Amino acid sequence: MIVFDENIHQRSLMDAVAKWYPGRVVSITELRPHSIIKDEGIPALLHRVRGATLSWPD
């Protein structure tokens, strides 16, 4: 699973990654819907998701 930061609003980028990546490609907000996810909470959230990786722009 590849997890994108919520600030990546270009669905086309996620769709492009999904074309070559065999696993699931999601936004971090899909892992905990209807809640605010603070930056410091992301590592703990990702540790609960098997095989998740976070990507964000520099």
N, C-alpha and C. Protein backbone atom coordinates (compact mmCIF):
# COMPACT_ATOMS: atom_id res chain seq x y z
N MET A 1 0.84 -1.17 0.00
CA MET A 1 0.00 0.00 0.00
C MET A 1 0.89 1.24 0.00
N ILE A 2 0.56 2.18 -0.86
CA ILE A 2 1.20 3.49 -0.85
C ILE A 2 0.18 4.49 -0.35
N VAL A 3 0.58 5.26 0.66
CA VAL A 3 -0.31 6.24 1.27
C VAL A 3 0.23 7.63 0.97
N PHE A 4 -0.59 8.45 0.33
CA PHE A 4 -0.21 9.82 0.01
C PHE A 4 -0.70 10.78 1.08
N ASP A 5 0.06 11.83 1.29
CA ASP A 5 -0.30 12.90 2.20
C ASP A 5 -1.59 13.56 1.72
N GLU A 6 -2.37 14.09 2.64
CA GLU A 6 -3.65 14.71 2.26
C GLU A 6 -3.48 15.98 1.43
N ASN A 7 -2.29 16.55 1.40
CA ASN A 7 -2.06 17.76 0.62
C ASN A 7 -1.84 17.48 -0.87
N ILE A 8 -1.76 16.25 -1.25
CA ILE A 8 -1.65 15.91 -2.67
C ILE A 8 -3.07 15.79 -3.20
N HIS A 9 -3.50 16.86 -3.86
CA HIS A 9 -4.89 16.94 -4.33
C HIS A 9 -5.04 16.47 -5.77
N GLN A 10 -3.94 16.11 -6.40
CA GLN A 10 -4.02 15.69 -7.79
C GLN A 10 -4.32 14.20 -7.86
N ARG A 11 -5.55 13.87 -8.08
CA ARG A 11 -5.93 12.47 -8.19
C ARG A 11 -5.20 11.82 -9.36
N SER A 12 -4.86 12.63 -10.38
CA SER A 12 -4.15 12.08 -11.53
C SER A 12 -2.79 11.51 -11.13
N LEU A 13 -2.13 12.11 -10.14
CA LEU A 13 -0.86 11.59 -9.66
C LEU A 13 -1.05 10.24 -8.97
N MET A 14 -2.06 10.15 -8.14
CA MET A 14 -2.33 8.88 -7.46
C MET A 14 -2.74 7.81 -8.47
N ASP A 15 -3.52 8.20 -9.49
CA ASP A 15 -3.92 7.26 -10.53
C ASP A 15 -2.71 6.77 -11.34
N ALA A 16 -1.77 7.68 -11.60
CA ALA A 16 -0.56 7.30 -12.35
C ALA A 16 0.26 6.29 -11.56
N VAL A 17 0.39 6.49 -10.26
CA VAL A 17 1.12 5.54 -9.42
C VAL A 17 0.39 4.21 -9.39
N ALA A 18 -0.93 4.25 -9.29
CA ALA A 18 -1.73 3.03 -9.23
C ALA A 18 -1.60 2.18 -10.49
N LYS A 19 -1.26 2.82 -11.62
CA LYS A 19 -1.11 2.06 -12.86
C LYS A 19 0.09 1.11 -12.81
N TRP A 20 1.17 1.52 -12.13
CA TRP A 20 2.35 0.65 -12.09
C TRP A 20 2.54 -0.06 -10.76
N TYR A 21 1.88 0.42 -9.71
CA TYR A 21 2.04 -0.21 -8.40
C TYR A 21 0.95 -1.27 -8.22
N PRO A 22 1.32 -2.51 -7.91
CA PRO A 22 0.33 -3.57 -7.83
C PRO A 22 -0.57 -3.53 -6.59
N GLY A 23 -0.14 -2.79 -5.58
CA GLY A 23 -0.94 -2.72 -4.35
C GLY A 23 -1.93 -1.57 -4.37
N ARG A 24 -2.46 -1.28 -3.21
CA ARG A 24 -3.45 -0.23 -3.05
C ARG A 24 -2.77 1.13 -2.95
N VAL A 25 -3.36 2.17 -3.54
CA VAL A 25 -2.86 3.54 -3.47
C VAL A 25 -3.99 4.40 -2.90
N VAL A 26 -3.74 5.00 -1.72
CA VAL A 26 -4.79 5.76 -1.03
C VAL A 26 -4.25 7.06 -0.47
N SER A 27 -5.15 7.94 -0.09
CA SER A 27 -4.81 9.15 0.65
C SER A 27 -4.83 8.80 2.14
N ILE A 28 -4.01 9.48 2.91
CA ILE A 28 -3.98 9.23 4.36
C ILE A 28 -5.36 9.42 4.98
N THR A 29 -6.17 10.31 4.40
CA THR A 29 -7.51 10.55 4.94
C THR A 29 -8.44 9.34 4.79
N GLU A 30 -8.12 8.44 3.88
CA GLU A 30 -8.94 7.23 3.73
C GLU A 30 -8.70 6.23 4.85
N LEU A 31 -7.58 6.37 5.55
CA LEU A 31 -7.26 5.43 6.63
C LEU A 31 -8.01 5.76 7.91
N ARG A 32 -8.37 7.03 8.06
CA ARG A 32 -9.17 7.44 9.22
C ARG A 32 -10.13 8.54 8.78
N PRO A 33 -11.20 8.15 8.09
CA PRO A 33 -12.14 9.14 7.53
C PRO A 33 -12.85 9.96 8.61
N HIS A 34 -13.28 11.14 8.21
CA HIS A 34 -14.07 12.04 9.06
C HIS A 34 -13.33 12.47 10.33
N SER A 35 -12.00 12.58 10.24
CA SER A 35 -11.23 13.05 11.39
C SER A 35 -10.04 13.87 10.90
N ILE A 36 -9.53 14.69 11.79
CA ILE A 36 -8.34 15.48 11.48
C ILE A 36 -7.13 14.65 11.88
N ILE A 37 -6.20 14.50 10.95
CA ILE A 37 -4.99 13.71 11.22
C ILE A 37 -3.83 14.69 11.30
N LYS A 38 -3.31 14.90 12.48
CA LYS A 38 -2.17 15.79 12.68
C LYS A 38 -0.90 15.07 12.23
N ASP A 39 0.09 15.86 11.78
CA ASP A 39 1.34 15.27 11.29
C ASP A 39 1.98 14.33 12.30
N GLU A 40 1.96 14.70 13.57
CA GLU A 40 2.59 13.84 14.58
C GLU A 40 1.84 12.53 14.81
N GLY A 41 0.60 12.43 14.34
CA GLY A 41 -0.15 11.19 14.48
C GLY A 41 0.00 10.23 13.32
N ILE A 42 0.61 10.70 12.24
CA ILE A 42 0.73 9.85 11.05
C ILE A 42 1.58 8.60 11.28
N PRO A 43 2.74 8.69 11.92
CA PRO A 43 3.52 7.45 12.13
C PRO A 43 2.74 6.37 12.88
N ALA A 44 2.02 6.75 13.92
CA ALA A 44 1.25 5.75 14.68
C ALA A 44 0.15 5.15 13.81
N LEU A 45 -0.50 5.99 12.99
CA LEU A 45 -1.55 5.49 12.10
C LEU A 45 -0.97 4.51 11.08
N LEU A 46 0.18 4.85 10.50
CA LEU A 46 0.80 3.97 9.51
C LEU A 46 1.29 2.66 10.12
N HIS A 47 1.70 2.68 11.37
CA HIS A 47 2.14 1.44 12.03
C HIS A 47 1.00 0.45 12.18
N ARG A 48 -0.23 0.95 12.19
CA ARG A 48 -1.40 0.07 12.31
C ARG A 48 -1.84 -0.51 10.98
N VAL A 49 -1.30 0.03 9.88
CA VAL A 49 -1.69 -0.44 8.55
C VAL A 49 -0.55 -1.28 7.98
N ARG A 50 -0.82 -2.51 7.70
CA ARG A 50 0.21 -3.44 7.22
C ARG A 50 0.74 -3.01 5.86
N GLY A 51 2.04 -2.81 5.76
CA GLY A 51 2.70 -2.52 4.50
C GLY A 51 2.51 -1.11 3.97
N ALA A 52 2.09 -0.16 4.80
CA ALA A 52 1.84 1.20 4.33
C ALA A 52 3.14 2.00 4.21
N THR A 53 3.19 2.89 3.22
CA THR A 53 4.31 3.79 3.01
C THR A 53 3.74 5.17 2.74
N LEU A 54 4.33 6.20 3.33
CA LEU A 54 3.85 7.56 3.16
C LEU A 54 4.75 8.32 2.20
N SER A 55 4.14 9.08 1.30
CA SER A 55 4.89 9.92 0.36
C SER A 55 4.32 11.31 0.42
N TRP A 56 5.20 12.32 0.47
CA TRP A 56 4.74 13.70 0.44
C TRP A 56 5.72 14.55 -0.32
N PRO A 57 5.23 15.68 -0.87
CA PRO A 57 6.12 16.54 -1.67
C PRO A 57 7.13 17.25 -0.79
N ASP A 58 8.28 17.58 -1.36
CA ASP A 58 9.30 18.32 -0.61
C ASP A 58 8.97 19.79 -0.54
